[in-house]
C-alpha atoms as a PDB file:
ATOM      1  CA  MET A   1      62.338  95.896  81.774  1.00  0.00           C
ATOM      2  CA  LYS A   2      63.238  99.582  81.713  1.00  0.00           C
ATOM      3  CA  ARG A   3      61.324 102.247  83.564  1.00  0.00           C
ATOM      4  CA  PHE A   4      59.681 104.834  81.346  1.00  0.00           C
ATOM      5  CA  GLU A   5      62.062 107.565  82.486  1.00  0.00           C
ATOM      6  CA  ASP A   6      65.038 105.384  81.519  1.00  0.00           C
ATOM      7  CA  LEU A   7      64.097 105.062  77.850  1.00  0.00           C
ATOM      8  CA  ASN A   8      66.463 106.829  75.485  1.00  0.00           C
ATOM      9  CA  TYR A   9      65.172 108.917  72.610  1.00  0.00           C
ATOM     10  CA  TYR A  10      65.576 106.137  70.062  1.00  0.00           C
ATOM     11  CA  GLU A  11      63.498 103.820  72.218  1.00  0.00           C
ATOM     12  CA  MET A  12      60.895 106.514  72.703  1.00  0.00           C
ATOM     13  CA  LEU A  13      60.385 106.816  68.949  1.00  0.00           C
ATOM     14  CA  GLU A  14      60.909 103.072  68.438  1.00  0.00           C
ATOM     15  CA  ILE A  15      63.555 103.573  65.754  1.00  0.00           C
ATOM     16  CA  PRO A  16      67.039 102.081  65.273  1.00  0.00           C
ATOM     17  CA  VAL A  17      70.040 104.104  66.420  1.00  0.00           C
ATOM     18  CA  ASN A  18      71.185 104.488  62.810  1.00  0.00           C
ATOM     19  CA  ALA A  19      67.801 105.800  61.679  1.00  0.00           C
ATOM     20  CA  SER A  20      67.797 108.295  58.832  1.00  0.00           C
ATOM     21  CA  PRO A  21      66.203 111.751  59.270  1.00  0.00           C
ATOM     22  CA  PHE A  22      63.210 110.423  57.337  1.00  0.00           C
ATOM     23  CA  GLU A  23      62.871 107.502  59.780  1.00  0.00           C
ATOM     24  CA  VAL A  24      63.162 109.913  62.713  1.00  0.00           C
ATOM     25  CA  SER A  25      60.316 111.995  61.274  1.00  0.00           C
ATOM     26  CA  GLN A  26      58.219 108.911  60.608  1.00  0.00           C
ATOM     27  CA  GLY A  27      58.860 107.605  64.123  1.00  0.00           C
ATOM     28  CA  TYR A  28      57.832 110.971  65.532  1.00  0.00           C
ATOM     29  CA  LYS A  29      54.596 111.077  63.504  1.00  0.00           C
ATOM     30  CA  GLU A  30      53.796 107.488  64.448  1.00  0.00           C
ATOM     31  CA  ALA A  31      54.386 108.189  68.140  1.00  0.00           C
ATOM     32  CA  LEU A  32      52.148 111.268  68.035  1.00  0.00           C
ATOM     33  CA  SER A  33      49.364 109.317  66.323  1.00  0.00           C
ATOM     34  CA  ILE A  34      49.554 106.644  69.011  1.00  0.00           C
ATOM     35  CA  TYR A  35      49.814 108.807  72.136  1.00  0.00           C
ATOM     36  CA  HIS A  36      47.744 111.839  71.184  1.00  0.00           C
ATOM     37  CA  GLU A  37      44.677 112.369  73.374  1.00  0.00           C
ATOM     38  CA  ASP A  38      42.416 111.656  70.383  1.00  0.00           C
ATOM     39  CA  SER A  39      44.055 108.297  69.689  1.00  0.00           C
ATOM     40  CA  LEU A  40      41.634 105.362  69.520  1.00  0.00           C
ATOM     41  CA  ILE A  41      44.500 103.060  70.420  1.00  0.00           C
ATOM     42  CA  THR A  42      45.569 104.559  73.760  1.00  0.00           C
ATOM     43  CA  TYR A  43      42.668 106.766  74.840  1.00  0.00           C
ATOM     44  CA  SER A  44      41.946 104.600  77.897  1.00  0.00           C
ATOM     45  CA  PHE A  45      45.536 103.741  78.843  1.00  0.00           C
ATOM     46  CA  PHE A  46      46.872 106.955  80.327  1.00  0.00           C
ATOM     47  CA  ASP A  47      45.665 109.796  82.498  1.00  0.00           C
ATOM     48  CA  ASP A  48      46.351 113.403  81.439  1.00  0.00           C
ATOM     49  CA  HIS A  49      49.577 113.664  83.446  1.00  0.00           C
ATOM     50  CA  GLU A  50      51.030 110.445  82.011  1.00  0.00           C
ATOM     51  CA  ARG A  51      50.062 111.411  78.474  1.00  0.00           C
ATOM     52  CA  ASP A  52      51.558 114.912  78.840  1.00  0.00           C
ATOM     53  CA  LEU A  53      54.796 113.359  80.088  1.00  0.00           C
ATOM     54  CA  ILE A  54      54.960 110.950  77.159  1.00  0.00           C
ATOM     55  CA  LEU A  55      54.205 113.629  74.562  1.00  0.00           C
ATOM     56  CA  LYS A  56      56.804 115.961  76.092  1.00  0.00           C
ATOM     57  CA  ARG A  57      59.468 113.249  75.858  1.00  0.00           C
ATOM     58  CA  ILE A  58      58.450 112.451  72.283  1.00  0.00           C
ATOM     59  CA  GLU A  59      58.866 116.119  71.339  1.00  0.00           C
ATOM     60  CA  GLU A  60      62.274 116.287  73.032  1.00  0.00           C
ATOM     61  CA  ALA A  61      63.364 113.113  71.258  1.00  0.00           C
ATOM     62  CA  PHE A  62      62.358 114.392  67.838  1.00  0.00           C
ATOM     63  CA  LEU A  63      63.940 117.843  68.224  1.00  0.00           C
ATOM     64  CA  THR A  64      67.191 116.239  69.347  1.00  0.00           C
ATOM     65  CA  LEU A  65      67.465 113.429  66.798  1.00  0.00           C
ATOM     66  CA  ILE A  66      66.423 115.500  63.792  1.00  0.00           C
ATOM     67  CA  ASP A  67      69.188 118.039  64.462  1.00  0.00           C
ATOM     68  CA  HIS A  68      72.595 116.641  63.408  1.00  0.00           C
ATOM     69  CA  LYS A  69      74.637 118.539  66.001  1.00  0.00           C
ATOM     70  CA  LYS A  70      72.235 117.814  68.863  1.00  0.00           C
ATOM     71  CA  ARG A  71      72.049 114.171  67.854  1.00  0.00           C
ATOM     72  CA  THR A  72      75.836 113.819  67.761  1.00  0.00           C
ATOM     73  CA  ASN A  73      76.107 115.347  71.232  1.00  0.00           C
ATOM     74  CA  TYR A  74      73.276 113.139  72.494  1.00  0.00           C
ATOM     75  CA  ASN A  75      74.952 110.000  71.126  1.00  0.00           C
ATOM     76  CA  SER A  76      78.203 111.003  72.813  1.00  0.00           C
ATOM     77  CA  MET A  77      76.353 111.516  76.091  1.00  0.00           C
ATOM     78  CA  LEU A  78      74.827 108.019  75.857  1.00  0.00           C
ATOM     79  CA  VAL A  79      78.273 106.532  75.296  1.00  0.00           C
ATOM     80  CA  ASN A  80      79.979 108.571  78.029  1.00  0.00           C
ATOM     81  CA  GLU A  81      77.334 107.638  80.575  1.00  0.00           C
ATOM     82  CA  GLY A  82      77.728 103.968  79.695  1.00  0.00           C
ATOM     83  CA  LYS A  83      74.150 103.637  78.505  1.00  0.00           C
ATOM     84  CA  VAL A  84      75.162 102.605  74.997  1.00  0.00           C
ATOM     85  CA  ASP A  85      78.297 100.990  73.586  1.00  0.00           C
ATOM     86  CA  SER A  86      80.127 103.164  71.071  1.00  0.00           C
ATOM     87  CA  LYS A  87      79.878 100.356  68.509  1.00  0.00           C
ATOM     88  CA  THR A  88      76.107 100.621  68.649  1.00  0.00           C
ATOM     89  CA  PHE A  89      76.092 103.638  66.368  1.00  0.00           C
ATOM     90  CA  THR A  90      78.090 101.895  63.644  1.00  0.00           C
ATOM     91  CA  GLU A  91      76.218  98.590  63.662  1.00  0.00           C
ATOM     92  CA  ASP A  92      72.944  97.829  61.925  1.00  0.00           C
ATOM     93  CA  LYS A  93      70.184  97.431  64.449  1.00  0.00           C
ATOM     94  CA  LYS A  94      66.788  95.855  64.065  1.00  0.00           C
ATOM     95  CA  LYS A  95      63.862  98.124  64.745  1.00  0.00           C
ATOM     96  CA  PRO A  96      62.461  97.571  68.255  1.00  0.00           C
ATOM     97  CA  ILE A  97      59.182  95.731  68.660  1.00  0.00           C
ATOM     98  CA  PRO A  98      56.456  98.411  68.734  1.00  0.00           C
ATOM     99  CA  LEU A  99      54.204  98.488  71.793  1.00  0.00           C
ATOM    100  CA  PHE A 100      51.152  99.184  69.671  1.00  0.00           C
ATOM    101  CA  GLN A 101      50.035  98.325  66.176  1.00  0.00           C
ATOM    102  CA  SER A 102      48.525 101.446  64.688  1.00  0.00           C
ATOM    103  CA  ASN A 103      46.829  99.773  61.721  1.00  0.00           C
ATOM    104  CA  LYS A 104      43.187 100.629  61.215  1.00  0.00           C
ATOM    105  CA  VAL A 105      41.235  99.320  64.194  1.00  0.00           C
ATOM    106  CA  LYS A 106      38.355  97.012  63.357  1.00  0.00           C
ATOM    107  CA  ASN A 107      34.897  97.538  64.831  1.00  0.00           C
ATOM    108  CA  LYS A 108      35.885  97.687  68.481  1.00  0.00           C
ATOM    109  CA  GLU A 109      32.315  97.680  69.751  1.00  0.00           C
ATOM    110  CA  LEU A 110      31.461  94.562  67.742  1.00  0.00           C
ATOM    111  CA  LEU A 111      34.563  92.726  68.950  1.00  0.00           C
ATOM    112  CA  THR A 112      33.865  93.709  72.561  1.00  0.00           C
ATOM    113  CA  LYS A 113      30.299  92.373  72.335  1.00  0.00           C
ATOM    114  CA  LYS A 114      31.640  89.127  70.896  1.00  0.00           C
ATOM    115  CA  ILE A 115      33.968  88.688  73.881  1.00  0.00           C
ATOM    116  CA  ASP A 116      31.212  89.671  76.322  1.00  0.00           C
ATOM    117  CA  LYS A 117      29.012  86.893  74.948  1.00  0.00           C
ATOM    118  CA  LYS A 118      31.789  84.355  75.454  1.00  0.00           C
ATOM    119  CA  ILE A 119      32.221  85.491  79.055  1.00  0.00           C
ATOM    120  CA  GLU A 120      28.466  85.319  79.711  1.00  0.00           C
ATOM    121  CA  LYS A 121      28.506  81.617  78.817  1.00  0.00           C
ATOM    122  CA  LYS A 122      31.087  80.885  81.525  1.00  0.00           C
ATOM    123  CA  ASP A 123      31.040  81.201  85.303  1.00  0.00           C
ATOM    124  CA  ILE A 124      33.472  84.101  85.350  1.00  0.00           C
ATOM    125  CA  ARG A 125      32.870  84.819  89.034  1.00  0.00           C
ATOM    126  CA  MET A 126      33.978  81.348  90.112  1.00  0.00           C
ATOM    127  CA  MET A 127      37.003  81.572  87.832  1.00  0.00           C
ATOM    128  CA  SER A 128      37.979  85.011  89.078  1.00  0.00           C
ATOM    129  CA  ASP A 129      37.494  84.008  92.730  1.00  0.00           C
ATOM    130  CA  GLU A 130      39.941  81.163  92.158  1.00  0.00           C
ATOM    131  CA  LEU A 131      42.388  83.541  90.515  1.00  0.00           C
ATOM    132  CA  PHE A 132      42.154  86.168  93.261  1.00  0.00           C
ATOM    133  CA  SER A 133      42.558  83.590  96.011  1.00  0.00           C
ATOM    134  CA  LYS A 134      46.259  83.922  95.206  1.00  0.00           C
ATOM    135  CA  GLU A 135      48.271  86.913  96.354  1.00  0.00           C
ATOM    136  CA  ILE A 136      50.594  86.507  93.375  1.00  0.00           C
ATOM    137  CA  ILE A 137      49.145  86.333  89.860  1.00  0.00           C
ATOM    138  CA  SER A 138      51.317  85.068  87.020  1.00  0.00           C
ATOM    139  CA  GLY A 139      50.933  85.507  83.308  1.00  0.00           C
ATOM    140  CA  ILE A 140      50.217  81.792  83.080  1.00  0.00           C
ATOM    141  CA  ASP A 141      47.185  82.308  85.351  1.00  0.00           C
ATOM    142  CA  LEU A 142      45.908  85.012  83.011  1.00  0.00           C
ATOM    143  CA  LYS A 143      46.491  82.874  79.941  1.00  0.00           C
ATOM    144  CA  LYS A 144      44.706  79.907  81.515  1.00  0.00           C
ATOM    145  CA  LEU A 145      41.685  82.056  82.375  1.00  0.00           C
ATOM    146  CA  ARG A 146      41.582  83.669  78.929  1.00  0.00           C
ATOM    147  CA  GLU A 147      41.694  80.291  77.212  1.00  0.00           C
ATOM    148  CA  SER A 148      39.047  78.889  79.582  1.00  0.00           C
ATOM    149  CA  LEU A 149      36.749  81.698  78.434  1.00  0.00           C
ATOM    150  CA  GLY A 150      37.414  80.803  74.805  1.00  0.00           C
ATOM    151  CA  ILE A 151      38.992  84.171  74.019  1.00  0.00           C
ATOM    152  CA  ASP A 152      41.818  84.221  71.487  1.00  0.00           C
ATOM    153  CA  LEU A 153      44.888  86.387  72.052  1.00  0.00           C
ATOM    154  CA  GLU A 154      44.263  87.891  68.626  1.00  0.00           C
ATOM    155  CA  GLU A 155      40.870  89.127  69.844  1.00  0.00           C
ATOM    156  CA  VAL A 156      42.552  90.903  72.750  1.00  0.00           C
ATOM    157  CA  PHE A 157      44.969  92.409  70.257  1.00  0.00           C
ATOM    158  CA  GLU A 158      42.210  93.604  67.915  1.00  0.00           C
ATOM    159  CA  ILE A 159      40.558  95.560  70.729  1.00  0.00           C
ATOM    160  CA  THR A 160      43.637  96.911  72.497  1.00  0.00           C
ATOM    161  CA  ARG A 161      46.063  97.119  69.521  1.00  0.00           C
ATOM    162  CA  ILE A 162      48.778  96.112  71.987  1.00  0.00           C
ATOM    163  CA  ASN A 163      51.429  94.233  70.032  1.00  0.00           C
ATOM    164  CA  VAL A 164      50.845  90.456  70.187  1.00  0.00           C
ATOM    165  CA  THR A 165      54.507  89.948  71.098  1.00  0.00           C
ATOM    166  CA  ILE A 166      53.969  92.095  74.208  1.00  0.00           C
ATOM    167  CA  LEU A 167      50.753  90.243  75.105  1.00  0.00           C
ATOM    168  CA  LYS A 168      52.574  86.921  74.815  1.00  0.00           C
ATOM    169  CA  ALA A 169      55.425  88.221  76.973  1.00  0.00           C
ATOM    170  CA  ILE A 170      52.883  89.162  79.674  1.00  0.00           C
ATOM    171  CA  GLU A 171      51.222  85.754  79.587  1.00  0.00           C
ATOM    172  CA  GLU A 172      54.478  83.812  79.470  1.00  0.00           C
ATOM    173  CA  ASN A 173      56.209  85.814  82.219  1.00  0.00           C
ATOM    174  CA  GLN A 174      58.956  86.926  79.862  1.00  0.00           C
ATOM    175  CA  PHE A 175      59.830  89.893  82.061  1.00  0.00           C
ATOM    176  CA  GLU A 176      62.883  90.888  80.023  1.00  0.00           C
ATOM    177  CA  LYS A 177      60.588  91.561  77.038  1.00  0.00           C
ATOM    178  CA  LEU A 178      58.052  93.647  78.938  1.00  0.00           C
ATOM    179  CA  PRO A 179      57.701  97.399  78.350  1.00  0.00           C
ATOM    180  CA  PRO A 180      58.381 100.030  81.046  1.00  0.00           C
ATOM    181  CA  LEU A 181      56.145  99.869  84.113  1.00  0.00           C
ATOM    182  CA  ILE A 182      54.079 102.908  83.107  1.00  0.00           C
ATOM    183  CA  TYR A 183      52.985 101.005  79.991  1.00  0.00           C
ATOM    184  CA  LEU A 184      52.766  97.580  81.606  1.00  0.00           C
ATOM    185  CA  LYS A 185      50.343  98.674  84.321  1.00  0.00           C
ATOM    186  CA  ASN A 186      47.990 100.169  81.758  1.00  0.00           C
ATOM    187  CA  PHE A 187      48.276  97.099  79.527  1.00  0.00           C
ATOM    188  CA  LEU A 188      47.398  94.829  82.465  1.00  0.00           C
ATOM    189  CA  LYS A 189      44.511  97.124  83.397  1.00  0.00           C
ATOM    190  CA  THR A 190      43.077  96.962  79.888  1.00  0.00           C
ATOM    191  CA  TYR A 191      43.637  93.189  79.679  1.00  0.00           C
ATOM    192  CA  ALA A 192      41.759  92.741  82.973  1.00  0.00           C
ATOM    193  CA  GLU A 193      38.860  94.960  81.907  1.00  0.00           C
ATOM    194  CA  ILE A 194      38.374  92.952  78.713  1.00  0.00           C
ATOM    195  CA  LEU A 195      38.038  89.778  80.798  1.00  0.00           C
ATOM    196  CA  LYS A 196      35.738  91.511  83.332  1.00  0.00           C
ATOM    197  CA  LEU A 197      38.295  91.206  86.126  1.00  0.00           C
ATOM    198  CA  ASP A 198      39.251  93.595  88.922  1.00  0.00           C
ATOM    199  CA  SER A 199      42.037  95.540  87.222  1.00  0.00           C
ATOM    200  CA  ASN A 200      43.623  96.746  90.469  1.00  0.00           C
ATOM    201  CA  LEU A 201      43.960  93.198  91.795  1.00  0.00           C
ATOM    202  CA  ILE A 202      45.393  92.011  88.484  1.00  0.00           C
ATOM    203  CA  VAL A 203      48.001  94.772  88.366  1.00  0.00           C
ATOM    204  CA  ASP A 204      49.008  94.318  92.024  1.00  0.00           C
ATOM    205  CA  GLY A 205      49.156  90.519  91.736  1.00  0.00           C
ATOM    206  CA  TYR A 206      51.220  90.592  88.546  1.00  0.00           C
ATOM    207  CA  ILE A 207      53.688  93.145  89.880  1.00  0.00           C
ATOM    208  CA  LYS A 208      54.164  90.960  92.976  1.00  0.00           C
ATOM    209  CA  ASN A 209      54.829  88.044  90.638  1.00  0.00           C
ATOM    210  CA  MET A 210      57.549  90.062  88.928  1.00  0.00           C
ATOM    211  CA  GLU A 211      59.104  91.054  92.239  1.00  0.00           C
ATOM    212  CA  ALA A 212      59.031  87.452  93.454  1.00  0.00           C
END
Protein backbone atom coordinates (compact mmCIF):
# COMPACT_ATOMS: atom_id res chain seq x y z
CA MET A 1 0.00 0.00 0.00
CA LYS A 2 1.53 3.29 -1.10
CA ARG A 3 1.37 6.47 0.92
CA PHE A 4 -0.54 9.29 -0.74
CA GLU A 5 2.62 11.32 -1.29
CA ASP A 6 4.22 8.37 -3.10
CA LEU A 7 1.59 8.12 -5.83
CA ASN A 8 2.85 9.06 -9.27
CA TYR A 9 0.82 11.27 -11.57
CA TYR A 10 -0.66 8.35 -13.50
CA GLU A 11 -1.89 6.81 -10.27
CA MET A 12 -3.29 10.13 -9.15
CA LEU A 13 -5.46 10.37 -12.26
CA GLU A 14 -6.07 6.60 -12.29
CA ILE A 15 -5.00 6.22 -15.92
CA PRO A 16 -2.59 3.81 -17.65
CA VAL A 17 0.95 5.00 -18.35
CA ASN A 18 0.27 4.87 -22.09
CA ALA A 19 -2.87 6.99 -21.79
CA SER A 20 -3.70 9.25 -24.71
CA PRO A 21 -4.10 13.02 -24.21
CA PHE A 22 -7.86 12.46 -24.33
CA GLU A 23 -7.60 9.88 -21.53
CA VAL A 24 -5.43 12.26 -19.51
CA SER A 25 -8.09 14.97 -19.85
CA GLN A 26 -10.86 12.54 -18.95
CA GLY A 27 -8.91 11.29 -15.93
CA TYR A 28 -8.38 14.88 -14.83
CA LYS A 29 -12.08 15.76 -15.16
CA GLU A 30 -13.08 12.58 -13.35
CA ALA A 31 -10.66 13.28 -10.50
CA LEU A 32 -11.94 16.84 -10.13
CA SER A 33 -15.55 15.64 -10.03
CA ILE A 34 -14.68 13.16 -7.30
CA TYR A 35 -12.49 15.32 -5.06
CA HIS A 36 -14.05 18.75 -5.49
CA GLU A 37 -15.50 20.21 -2.28
CA ASP A 38 -19.01 19.99 -3.76
CA SER A 39 -18.67 16.28 -4.52
CA LEU A 40 -21.44 14.11 -3.06
CA ILE A 41 -19.07 11.17 -3.16
CA THR A 42 -16.24 12.49 -0.98
CA TYR A 43 -17.71 15.45 0.89
CA SER A 44 -17.32 13.73 4.27
CA PHE A 45 -14.00 11.97 3.63
CA PHE A 46 -11.46 14.77 3.76
CA ASP A 47 -10.83 17.94 5.71
CA ASP A 48 -9.98 21.16 3.85
CA HIS A 49 -6.21 20.64 4.11
CA GLU A 50 -6.36 17.07 2.76
CA ARG A 51 -8.67 18.08 -0.07
CA ASP A 52 -6.47 21.06 -1.04
CA LEU A 53 -3.45 18.75 -1.13
CA ILE A 54 -5.24 16.24 -3.35
CA LEU A 55 -6.55 18.88 -5.75
CA LYS A 56 -3.10 20.49 -5.99
CA ARG A 57 -1.54 17.15 -6.92
CA ILE A 58 -4.29 16.48 -9.45
CA GLU A 59 -3.60 19.84 -11.11
CA GLU A 60 0.15 19.16 -11.19
CA ALA A 61 -0.46 15.72 -12.68
CA PHE A 62 -2.68 17.05 -15.44
CA LEU A 63 -0.41 19.95 -16.42
CA THR A 64 2.55 17.58 -16.62
CA LEU A 65 0.95 14.68 -18.48
CA ILE A 66 -0.93 16.80 -21.01
CA ASP A 67 2.29 18.52 -22.11
CA HIS A 68 4.38 16.19 -24.32
CA LYS A 69 7.77 17.59 -23.30
CA LYS A 70 6.94 17.69 -19.59
CA ARG A 71 5.52 14.19 -19.75
CA THR A 72 8.62 12.82 -21.48
CA ASN A 73 10.84 14.39 -18.83
CA TYR A 74 8.56 13.11 -16.06
CA ASN A 75 8.66 9.56 -17.47
CA SER A 76 12.45 9.73 -17.63
CA MET A 77 12.56 10.89 -14.01
CA LEU A 78 10.39 7.94 -12.92
CA VAL A 79 12.73 5.54 -14.70
CA ASN A 80 15.94 7.17 -13.43
CA GLU A 81 14.71 7.13 -9.85
CA GLY A 82 13.83 3.45 -10.16
CA LYS A 83 10.14 4.05 -9.53
CA VAL A 84 9.10 2.60 -12.88
CA ASP A 85 10.74 0.12 -15.24
CA SER A 86 11.55 1.58 -18.65
CA LYS A 87 9.51 -1.18 -20.29
CA THR A 88 6.42 0.11 -18.52
CA PHE A 89 5.97 2.90 -21.04
CA THR A 90 5.98 0.54 -24.02
CA GLU A 91 3.69 -2.13 -22.58
CA ASP A 92 -0.10 -2.06 -22.49
CA LYS A 93 -1.32 -1.55 -18.97
CA LYS A 94 -4.73 -2.16 -17.50
CA LYS A 95 -6.40 0.85 -15.99
CA PRO A 96 -6.03 0.88 -12.19
CA ILE A 97 -9.02 0.03 -10.03
CA PRO A 98 -10.72 3.35 -9.21
CA LEU A 99 -11.15 4.20 -5.53
CA PHE A 100 -14.61 5.59 -6.14
CA GLN A 101 -17.43 4.89 -8.54
CA SER A 102 -18.75 8.22 -9.71
CA ASN A 103 -21.98 6.93 -11.25
CA LYS A 104 -25.13 8.72 -10.21
CA VAL A 105 -25.64 8.14 -6.49
CA LYS A 106 -28.99 6.67 -5.52
CA ASN A 107 -31.11 8.19 -2.77
CA LYS A 108 -28.49 8.25 -0.04
CA GLU A 109 -30.91 9.29 2.68
CA LEU A 110 -33.28 6.42 1.85
CA LEU A 111 -30.46 3.87 1.83
CA THR A 112 -29.10 5.19 5.13
CA LYS A 113 -32.53 4.87 6.77
CA LYS A 114 -32.78 1.31 5.48
CA ILE A 115 -29.47 0.41 7.12
CA ASP A 116 -30.42 2.23 10.33
CA LYS A 117 -33.56 0.09 10.60
CA LYS A 118 -31.50 -3.08 10.24
CA ILE A 119 -29.16 -1.92 13.00
CA GLU A 120 -32.07 -1.03 15.29
CA LYS A 121 -33.26 -4.64 15.14
CA LYS A 122 -29.93 -5.91 16.47
CA ASP A 123 -28.09 -5.40 19.75
CA ILE A 124 -25.37 -3.27 18.19
CA ARG A 125 -23.96 -2.23 21.56
CA MET A 126 -23.25 -5.81 22.61
CA MET A 127 -21.72 -6.54 19.21
CA SER A 128 -19.55 -3.44 19.26
CA ASP A 129 -18.43 -4.08 22.86
CA GLU A 130 -17.24 -7.51 21.75
CA LEU A 131 -15.43 -5.98 18.79
CA PHE A 132 -13.74 -3.25 20.84
CA SER A 133 -12.64 -5.70 23.52
CA LYS A 134 -9.80 -6.43 21.09
CA GLU A 135 -6.90 -4.04 20.67
CA ILE A 136 -6.44 -5.22 17.09
CA ILE A 137 -9.40 -5.17 14.69
CA SER A 138 -9.19 -7.13 11.45
CA GLY A 139 -11.20 -6.79 8.29
CA ILE A 140 -12.72 -10.18 9.06
CA ASP A 141 -14.10 -8.74 12.33
CA LEU A 142 -15.72 -5.91 10.38
CA LYS A 143 -17.16 -8.28 7.80
CA LYS A 144 -18.56 -10.57 10.50
CA LEU A 145 -20.26 -7.63 12.24
CA ARG A 146 -21.65 -6.23 8.99
CA GLU A 147 -23.11 -9.60 8.03
CA SER A 148 -24.52 -10.10 11.54
CA LEU A 149 -26.42 -6.83 11.07
CA GLY A 150 -27.79 -8.06 7.75
CA ILE A 151 -26.10 -5.29 5.77
CA ASP A 152 -24.90 -6.15 2.27
CA LEU A 153 -21.56 -4.87 1.00
CA GLU A 154 -23.41 -3.44 -1.98
CA GLU A 155 -25.44 -1.26 0.40
CA VAL A 156 -22.23 0.14 1.88
CA PHE A 157 -21.05 0.80 -1.66
CA GLU A 158 -24.26 2.58 -2.67
CA ILE A 159 -23.89 5.05 0.19
CA THR A 160 -20.14 5.60 0.12
CA ARG A 161 -19.46 4.99 -3.62
CA ILE A 162 -16.18 3.40 -2.50
CA ASN A 163 -15.27 0.77 -5.08
CA VAL A 164 -16.51 -2.69 -4.02
CA THR A 165 -13.07 -4.13 -4.78
CA ILE A 166 -11.57 -1.76 -2.19
CA LEU A 167 -14.27 -2.61 0.36
CA LYS A 168 -13.58 -6.32 -0.13
CA ALA A 169 -9.84 -5.73 0.25
CA ILE A 170 -10.50 -4.00 3.59
CA GLU A 171 -12.69 -6.82 4.86
CA GLU A 172 -10.40 -9.58 3.63
CA ASN A 173 -7.17 -7.99 4.91
CA GLN A 174 -5.73 -7.79 1.41
CA PHE A 175 -3.29 -5.07 2.43
CA GLU A 176 -1.46 -5.05 -0.90
CA LYS A 177 -4.70 -3.93 -2.60
CA LEU A 178 -5.49 -1.14 -0.16
CA PRO A 179 -5.26 2.53 -1.17
CA PRO A 180 -2.82 5.01 0.42
CA LEU A 181 -3.28 5.63 4.14
CA ILE A 182 -4.87 9.06 3.66
CA TYR A 183 -7.71 7.37 1.76
CA LEU A 184 -7.86 4.22 3.87
CA LYS A 185 -8.38 6.07 7.15
CA ASN A 186 -11.28 8.02 5.70
CA PHE A 187 -12.78 4.88 4.15
CA LEU A 188 -12.60 3.09 7.52
CA LYS A 189 -14.11 6.13 9.23
CA THR A 190 -17.05 6.18 6.83
CA TYR A 191 -17.49 2.39 7.06
CA ALA A 192 -17.60 2.64 10.87
CA GLU A 193 -20.10 5.51 10.85
CA ILE A 194 -22.48 3.55 8.62
CA LEU A 195 -22.45 0.70 11.15
CA LYS A 196 -22.81 3.12 14.11
CA LEU A 197 -19.36 2.28 15.46
CA ASP A 198 -16.69 4.45 17.06
CA SER A 199 -14.72 5.47 13.97
CA ASN A 200 -11.55 6.37 15.89
CA LEU A 201 -11.40 2.94 17.52
CA ILE A 202 -12.02 1.23 14.18
CA VAL A 203 -9.27 3.17 12.42
CA ASP A 204 -6.75 2.65 15.25
CA GLY A 205 -7.58 -1.06 15.60
CA TYR A 206 -7.35 -1.71 11.86
CA ILE A 207 -4.06 0.13 11.47
CA LYS A 208 -2.64 -1.94 14.35
CA ASN A 209 -3.82 -5.04 12.51
CA MET A 210 -1.90 -3.93 9.44
CA GLU A 211 1.23 -3.23 11.47
CA ALA A 212 0.98 -6.61 13.19
